N, C-alpha and C. Protein backbone atom coordinates (compact mmCIF):
# COMPACT_ATOMS: atom_id res chain seq x y z
N UNK A 1 -54.64 59.34 -14.98
CA UNK A 1 -54.02 58.06 -14.88
C UNK A 1 -54.00 57.68 -13.42
N UNK A 2 -54.62 56.60 -13.18
CA UNK A 2 -54.67 56.13 -11.80
C UNK A 2 -53.79 54.91 -11.65
N UNK A 3 -53.13 54.88 -10.58
CA UNK A 3 -52.30 53.71 -10.32
C UNK A 3 -52.90 52.97 -9.16
N UNK A 4 -53.04 51.72 -9.37
CA UNK A 4 -53.57 50.92 -8.28
C UNK A 4 -52.40 50.32 -7.53
N UNK A 5 -52.51 50.40 -6.27
CA UNK A 5 -51.45 49.86 -5.44
C UNK A 5 -51.80 48.44 -5.07
N UNK A 6 -50.87 47.58 -5.39
CA UNK A 6 -51.06 46.19 -4.97
C UNK A 6 -50.48 46.07 -3.58
N UNK A 7 -51.13 45.36 -2.75
CA UNK A 7 -50.54 45.17 -1.44
C UNK A 7 -49.31 44.27 -1.58
N UNK A 8 -48.22 44.72 -0.99
CA UNK A 8 -46.99 43.92 -1.04
C UNK A 8 -47.08 42.84 0.00
N UNK A 9 -46.84 41.62 -0.47
CA UNK A 9 -46.88 40.50 0.47
C UNK A 9 -45.47 40.18 0.90
N UNK A 10 -45.28 40.08 2.18
CA UNK A 10 -43.93 39.74 2.64
C UNK A 10 -43.60 38.30 2.29
N UNK A 11 -42.32 38.02 2.22
CA UNK A 11 -41.90 36.65 1.96
C UNK A 11 -42.32 35.78 3.12
N UNK A 12 -42.89 34.70 2.79
CA UNK A 12 -43.30 33.76 3.83
C UNK A 12 -42.28 32.65 3.92
N UNK A 13 -42.40 31.85 4.93
CA UNK A 13 -41.44 30.76 5.09
C UNK A 13 -41.54 29.76 3.96
N UNK A 14 -42.73 29.63 3.36
CA UNK A 14 -42.88 28.70 2.23
C UNK A 14 -42.03 29.15 1.05
N UNK A 15 -42.04 30.45 0.76
CA UNK A 15 -41.27 30.92 -0.38
C UNK A 15 -39.77 30.82 -0.11
N UNK A 16 -39.35 31.02 1.13
CA UNK A 16 -37.95 30.89 1.48
C UNK A 16 -37.49 29.45 1.35
N UNK A 17 -38.31 28.51 1.78
CA UNK A 17 -37.95 27.10 1.66
C UNK A 17 -37.83 26.69 0.20
N UNK A 18 -38.75 27.15 -0.63
CA UNK A 18 -38.68 26.76 -2.03
C UNK A 18 -37.45 27.38 -2.70
N UNK A 19 -37.08 28.60 -2.28
CA UNK A 19 -35.87 29.21 -2.81
C UNK A 19 -34.64 28.39 -2.43
N UNK A 20 -34.62 27.95 -1.19
CA UNK A 20 -33.51 27.13 -0.74
C UNK A 20 -33.43 25.84 -1.55
N UNK A 21 -34.55 25.18 -1.72
CA UNK A 21 -34.55 23.92 -2.47
C UNK A 21 -34.19 24.15 -3.92
N UNK A 22 -34.61 25.26 -4.47
CA UNK A 22 -34.37 25.51 -5.88
C UNK A 22 -32.94 25.90 -6.16
N UNK A 23 -32.31 26.66 -5.29
CA UNK A 23 -31.00 27.21 -5.57
C UNK A 23 -29.89 26.63 -4.70
N UNK A 24 -30.04 26.70 -3.41
CA UNK A 24 -28.93 26.38 -2.51
C UNK A 24 -28.62 24.90 -2.43
N UNK A 25 -29.61 24.07 -2.46
CA UNK A 25 -29.35 22.64 -2.30
C UNK A 25 -28.52 22.08 -3.47
N UNK A 26 -28.90 22.30 -4.72
CA UNK A 26 -28.04 21.80 -5.81
C UNK A 26 -26.66 22.46 -5.82
N UNK A 27 -26.63 23.74 -5.47
CA UNK A 27 -25.35 24.45 -5.42
C UNK A 27 -24.46 23.84 -4.35
N UNK A 28 -25.03 23.53 -3.20
CA UNK A 28 -24.26 22.91 -2.13
C UNK A 28 -23.75 21.54 -2.51
N UNK A 29 -24.56 20.78 -3.22
CA UNK A 29 -24.12 19.46 -3.66
C UNK A 29 -22.98 19.57 -4.68
N UNK A 30 -23.06 20.54 -5.56
CA UNK A 30 -21.99 20.72 -6.55
C UNK A 30 -20.70 21.18 -5.88
N UNK A 31 -20.82 22.04 -4.90
CA UNK A 31 -19.63 22.52 -4.19
C UNK A 31 -18.98 21.36 -3.44
N UNK A 32 -19.77 20.48 -2.88
CA UNK A 32 -19.21 19.32 -2.17
C UNK A 32 -18.36 18.46 -3.09
N UNK A 33 -18.82 18.25 -4.30
CA UNK A 33 -18.03 17.47 -5.27
C UNK A 33 -16.75 18.19 -5.65
N UNK A 34 -16.85 19.50 -5.84
CA UNK A 34 -15.66 20.27 -6.20
C UNK A 34 -14.64 20.25 -5.07
N UNK A 35 -15.11 20.32 -3.85
CA UNK A 35 -14.21 20.29 -2.70
C UNK A 35 -13.52 18.93 -2.61
N UNK A 36 -14.26 17.86 -2.88
CA UNK A 36 -13.66 16.52 -2.85
C UNK A 36 -12.58 16.40 -3.92
N UNK A 37 -12.86 16.89 -5.11
CA UNK A 37 -11.88 16.81 -6.19
C UNK A 37 -10.66 17.66 -5.87
N UNK A 38 -10.87 18.84 -5.26
CA UNK A 38 -9.74 19.67 -4.87
C UNK A 38 -8.93 18.97 -3.78
N UNK A 39 -9.60 18.25 -2.88
CA UNK A 39 -8.89 17.48 -1.87
C UNK A 39 -8.01 16.40 -2.49
N UNK A 40 -8.53 15.73 -3.52
CA UNK A 40 -7.74 14.73 -4.24
C UNK A 40 -6.52 15.38 -4.89
N UNK A 41 -6.72 16.55 -5.50
CA UNK A 41 -5.62 17.26 -6.13
C UNK A 41 -4.57 17.64 -5.10
N UNK A 42 -5.00 18.13 -3.93
CA UNK A 42 -4.04 18.50 -2.89
C UNK A 42 -3.30 17.29 -2.34
N UNK A 43 -3.97 16.14 -2.22
CA UNK A 43 -3.29 14.91 -1.79
C UNK A 43 -2.21 14.53 -2.80
N UNK A 44 -2.51 14.67 -4.07
CA UNK A 44 -1.53 14.35 -5.11
C UNK A 44 -0.35 15.31 -5.05
N UNK A 45 -0.63 16.59 -4.84
CA UNK A 45 0.47 17.57 -4.68
C UNK A 45 1.32 17.23 -3.47
N UNK A 46 0.68 16.78 -2.40
CA UNK A 46 1.42 16.37 -1.20
C UNK A 46 2.33 15.18 -1.51
N UNK A 47 1.82 14.22 -2.28
CA UNK A 47 2.64 13.07 -2.67
C UNK A 47 3.83 13.49 -3.51
N UNK A 48 3.61 14.42 -4.44
CA UNK A 48 4.70 14.92 -5.29
C UNK A 48 5.77 15.58 -4.43
N UNK A 49 5.34 16.42 -3.48
CA UNK A 49 6.31 17.10 -2.61
C UNK A 49 7.08 16.09 -1.76
N UNK A 50 6.40 15.06 -1.27
CA UNK A 50 7.07 14.04 -0.46
C UNK A 50 8.12 13.30 -1.28
N UNK A 51 7.78 12.94 -2.53
CA UNK A 51 8.73 12.24 -3.39
C UNK A 51 9.93 13.13 -3.71
N UNK A 52 9.69 14.42 -3.94
CA UNK A 52 10.79 15.34 -4.22
C UNK A 52 11.70 15.47 -3.00
N UNK A 53 11.11 15.51 -1.81
CA UNK A 53 11.94 15.60 -0.60
C UNK A 53 12.78 14.34 -0.41
N UNK A 54 12.23 13.18 -0.76
CA UNK A 54 13.02 11.95 -0.70
C UNK A 54 14.21 12.03 -1.66
N UNK A 55 13.97 12.58 -2.85
CA UNK A 55 15.04 12.71 -3.83
C UNK A 55 16.10 13.70 -3.34
N UNK A 56 15.67 14.81 -2.77
CA UNK A 56 16.63 15.79 -2.23
C UNK A 56 17.43 15.21 -1.08
N UNK A 57 16.79 14.36 -0.30
CA UNK A 57 17.50 13.70 0.80
C UNK A 57 18.61 12.80 0.25
N UNK A 58 18.31 12.08 -0.81
CA UNK A 58 19.31 11.23 -1.45
C UNK A 58 20.44 12.08 -2.03
N UNK A 59 20.08 13.22 -2.63
CA UNK A 59 21.11 14.11 -3.17
C UNK A 59 22.01 14.64 -2.05
N UNK A 60 21.43 15.01 -0.92
CA UNK A 60 22.23 15.52 0.20
C UNK A 60 23.17 14.45 0.73
N UNK A 61 22.67 13.22 0.83
CA UNK A 61 23.51 12.11 1.30
C UNK A 61 24.67 11.88 0.33
N UNK A 62 24.38 11.93 -0.96
CA UNK A 62 25.43 11.73 -1.97
C UNK A 62 26.46 12.85 -1.92
N UNK A 63 26.01 14.07 -1.74
CA UNK A 63 26.97 15.18 -1.63
C UNK A 63 27.83 15.03 -0.38
N UNK A 64 27.24 14.55 0.69
CA UNK A 64 28.01 14.31 1.92
C UNK A 64 29.06 13.22 1.70
N UNK A 65 28.67 12.13 1.01
CA UNK A 65 29.63 11.08 0.70
C UNK A 65 30.77 11.60 -0.17
N UNK A 66 30.41 12.41 -1.16
CA UNK A 66 31.42 12.98 -2.06
C UNK A 66 32.40 13.87 -1.29
N UNK A 67 31.89 14.67 -0.40
CA UNK A 67 32.75 15.54 0.41
C UNK A 67 33.69 14.71 1.27
N UNK A 68 33.14 13.67 1.90
CA UNK A 68 33.99 12.80 2.72
C UNK A 68 35.07 12.13 1.89
N UNK A 69 34.72 11.70 0.69
CA UNK A 69 35.72 11.07 -0.18
C UNK A 69 36.81 12.06 -0.59
N UNK A 70 36.40 13.27 -0.96
CA UNK A 70 37.37 14.26 -1.43
C UNK A 70 38.29 14.75 -0.31
N UNK A 71 37.80 14.71 0.91
CA UNK A 71 38.64 15.13 2.04
C UNK A 71 39.44 13.97 2.62
N UNK A 72 39.16 12.77 2.14
CA UNK A 72 39.87 11.60 2.63
C UNK A 72 39.45 11.18 4.02
N UNK A 73 38.20 11.48 4.39
CA UNK A 73 37.72 11.13 5.73
C UNK A 73 37.40 9.65 5.87
N UNK A 74 37.24 8.95 4.75
CA UNK A 74 36.91 7.53 4.80
C UNK A 74 38.15 6.64 4.78
N UNK A 75 39.28 7.22 4.77
CA UNK A 75 40.52 6.45 4.70
C UNK A 75 41.53 7.17 3.84
N UNK A 76 42.48 6.42 3.34
CA UNK A 76 43.54 6.98 2.50
C UNK A 76 42.94 7.54 1.21
N UNK A 77 43.34 8.73 0.81
CA UNK A 77 42.86 9.37 -0.41
C UNK A 77 43.73 8.94 -1.58
N UNK A 78 43.19 8.05 -2.41
CA UNK A 78 43.89 7.57 -3.60
C UNK A 78 42.97 7.68 -4.80
N UNK A 79 43.54 7.48 -5.97
CA UNK A 79 42.72 7.51 -7.19
C UNK A 79 41.70 6.37 -7.19
N UNK A 80 42.09 5.22 -6.70
CA UNK A 80 41.17 4.07 -6.67
C UNK A 80 40.01 4.33 -5.70
N UNK A 81 40.31 4.94 -4.55
CA UNK A 81 39.23 5.21 -3.59
C UNK A 81 38.29 6.28 -4.13
N UNK A 82 38.85 7.28 -4.84
CA UNK A 82 38.01 8.31 -5.45
C UNK A 82 37.13 7.71 -6.54
N UNK A 83 37.69 6.83 -7.36
CA UNK A 83 36.91 6.19 -8.43
C UNK A 83 35.81 5.34 -7.83
N UNK A 84 36.13 4.60 -6.79
CA UNK A 84 35.13 3.76 -6.12
C UNK A 84 34.02 4.63 -5.54
N UNK A 85 34.41 5.73 -4.93
CA UNK A 85 33.42 6.65 -4.33
C UNK A 85 32.51 7.24 -5.42
N UNK A 86 33.10 7.68 -6.53
CA UNK A 86 32.31 8.23 -7.63
C UNK A 86 31.33 7.20 -8.18
N UNK A 87 31.78 5.96 -8.35
CA UNK A 87 30.89 4.92 -8.86
C UNK A 87 29.75 4.65 -7.89
N UNK A 88 30.04 4.63 -6.60
CA UNK A 88 28.99 4.40 -5.59
C UNK A 88 27.97 5.54 -5.61
N UNK A 89 28.47 6.77 -5.65
CA UNK A 89 27.57 7.93 -5.67
C UNK A 89 26.77 7.96 -6.97
N UNK A 90 27.42 7.64 -8.08
CA UNK A 90 26.73 7.59 -9.37
C UNK A 90 25.62 6.57 -9.40
N UNK A 91 25.87 5.39 -8.83
CA UNK A 91 24.83 4.36 -8.82
C UNK A 91 23.69 4.75 -7.87
N UNK A 92 24.03 5.39 -6.73
CA UNK A 92 22.97 5.85 -5.82
C UNK A 92 22.08 6.89 -6.49
N UNK A 93 22.69 7.83 -7.20
CA UNK A 93 21.91 8.88 -7.87
C UNK A 93 21.13 8.33 -9.05
N UNK A 94 21.70 7.38 -9.78
CA UNK A 94 20.96 6.76 -10.89
C UNK A 94 19.73 6.02 -10.37
N UNK A 95 19.90 5.31 -9.26
CA UNK A 95 18.77 4.59 -8.65
C UNK A 95 17.71 5.57 -8.16
N UNK A 96 18.16 6.67 -7.52
CA UNK A 96 17.21 7.67 -7.02
C UNK A 96 16.47 8.35 -8.17
N UNK A 97 17.18 8.62 -9.27
CA UNK A 97 16.55 9.26 -10.42
C UNK A 97 15.54 8.34 -11.08
N UNK A 98 15.87 7.07 -11.23
CA UNK A 98 14.90 6.13 -11.83
C UNK A 98 13.69 5.94 -10.91
N UNK A 99 13.91 5.92 -9.60
CA UNK A 99 12.80 5.82 -8.66
C UNK A 99 11.91 7.06 -8.76
N UNK A 100 12.55 8.22 -8.89
CA UNK A 100 11.80 9.48 -9.02
C UNK A 100 10.95 9.46 -10.28
N UNK A 101 11.52 9.03 -11.40
CA UNK A 101 10.77 8.97 -12.66
C UNK A 101 9.62 7.97 -12.57
N UNK A 102 9.86 6.83 -11.93
CA UNK A 102 8.80 5.83 -11.77
C UNK A 102 7.66 6.38 -10.91
N UNK A 103 8.01 7.07 -9.82
CA UNK A 103 6.98 7.62 -8.94
C UNK A 103 6.16 8.71 -9.65
N UNK A 104 6.82 9.52 -10.46
CA UNK A 104 6.11 10.56 -11.20
C UNK A 104 5.14 9.94 -12.19
N UNK A 105 5.56 8.88 -12.87
CA UNK A 105 4.66 8.23 -13.83
C UNK A 105 3.49 7.55 -13.14
N UNK A 106 3.69 7.06 -11.92
CA UNK A 106 2.60 6.43 -11.18
C UNK A 106 1.64 7.46 -10.60
N UNK A 107 2.11 8.67 -10.33
CA UNK A 107 1.25 9.68 -9.74
C UNK A 107 0.08 10.05 -10.64
N UNK A 108 0.31 10.14 -11.94
CA UNK A 108 -0.79 10.50 -12.83
C UNK A 108 -1.86 9.42 -12.83
N UNK A 109 -1.45 8.16 -12.79
CA UNK A 109 -2.42 7.07 -12.74
C UNK A 109 -3.19 7.08 -11.42
N UNK A 110 -2.48 7.33 -10.31
CA UNK A 110 -3.15 7.40 -9.00
C UNK A 110 -4.11 8.58 -8.95
N UNK A 111 -3.72 9.71 -9.55
CA UNK A 111 -4.57 10.89 -9.56
C UNK A 111 -5.86 10.61 -10.32
N UNK A 112 -5.74 9.99 -11.47
CA UNK A 112 -6.92 9.67 -12.28
C UNK A 112 -7.82 8.69 -11.52
N UNK A 113 -7.21 7.70 -10.88
CA UNK A 113 -7.99 6.72 -10.12
C UNK A 113 -8.71 7.39 -8.94
N UNK A 114 -8.04 8.30 -8.26
CA UNK A 114 -8.68 9.01 -7.13
C UNK A 114 -9.83 9.88 -7.60
N UNK A 115 -9.64 10.54 -8.73
CA UNK A 115 -10.73 11.39 -9.28
C UNK A 115 -11.93 10.54 -9.61
N UNK A 116 -11.72 9.41 -10.28
CA UNK A 116 -12.83 8.55 -10.64
C UNK A 116 -13.53 7.97 -9.41
N UNK A 117 -12.75 7.70 -8.37
CA UNK A 117 -13.36 7.21 -7.14
C UNK A 117 -14.29 8.25 -6.53
N UNK A 118 -13.90 9.52 -6.61
CA UNK A 118 -14.72 10.60 -6.04
C UNK A 118 -15.94 10.89 -6.90
N UNK A 119 -15.77 10.75 -8.21
CA UNK A 119 -16.90 11.02 -9.10
C UNK A 119 -17.91 9.91 -8.96
């Protein structure tokens, strides 16, 4: 049994270029799209975090108002002043909660719009 040895040809620049065009170029283009979509997702997460921080800021302000009312720092501590303070804090928190819900519902629409813009 005789084995014939074929001469091994080294890779030439032509074969390397065709490999690049065949594999790396489409892969690179697909990765670019995925990175853009991930960027859109991260922007949306950033918006969600910003809205939550605004809500927490409103909660902190309301807690501060409540503390001032309970300690009587805003004036004479009476039942009427406490009731007024509670109503003011309740309306502030109701407004902040409705704003939070509205912003959350708008985020999904903005996210979909951003994705379609990138696609």
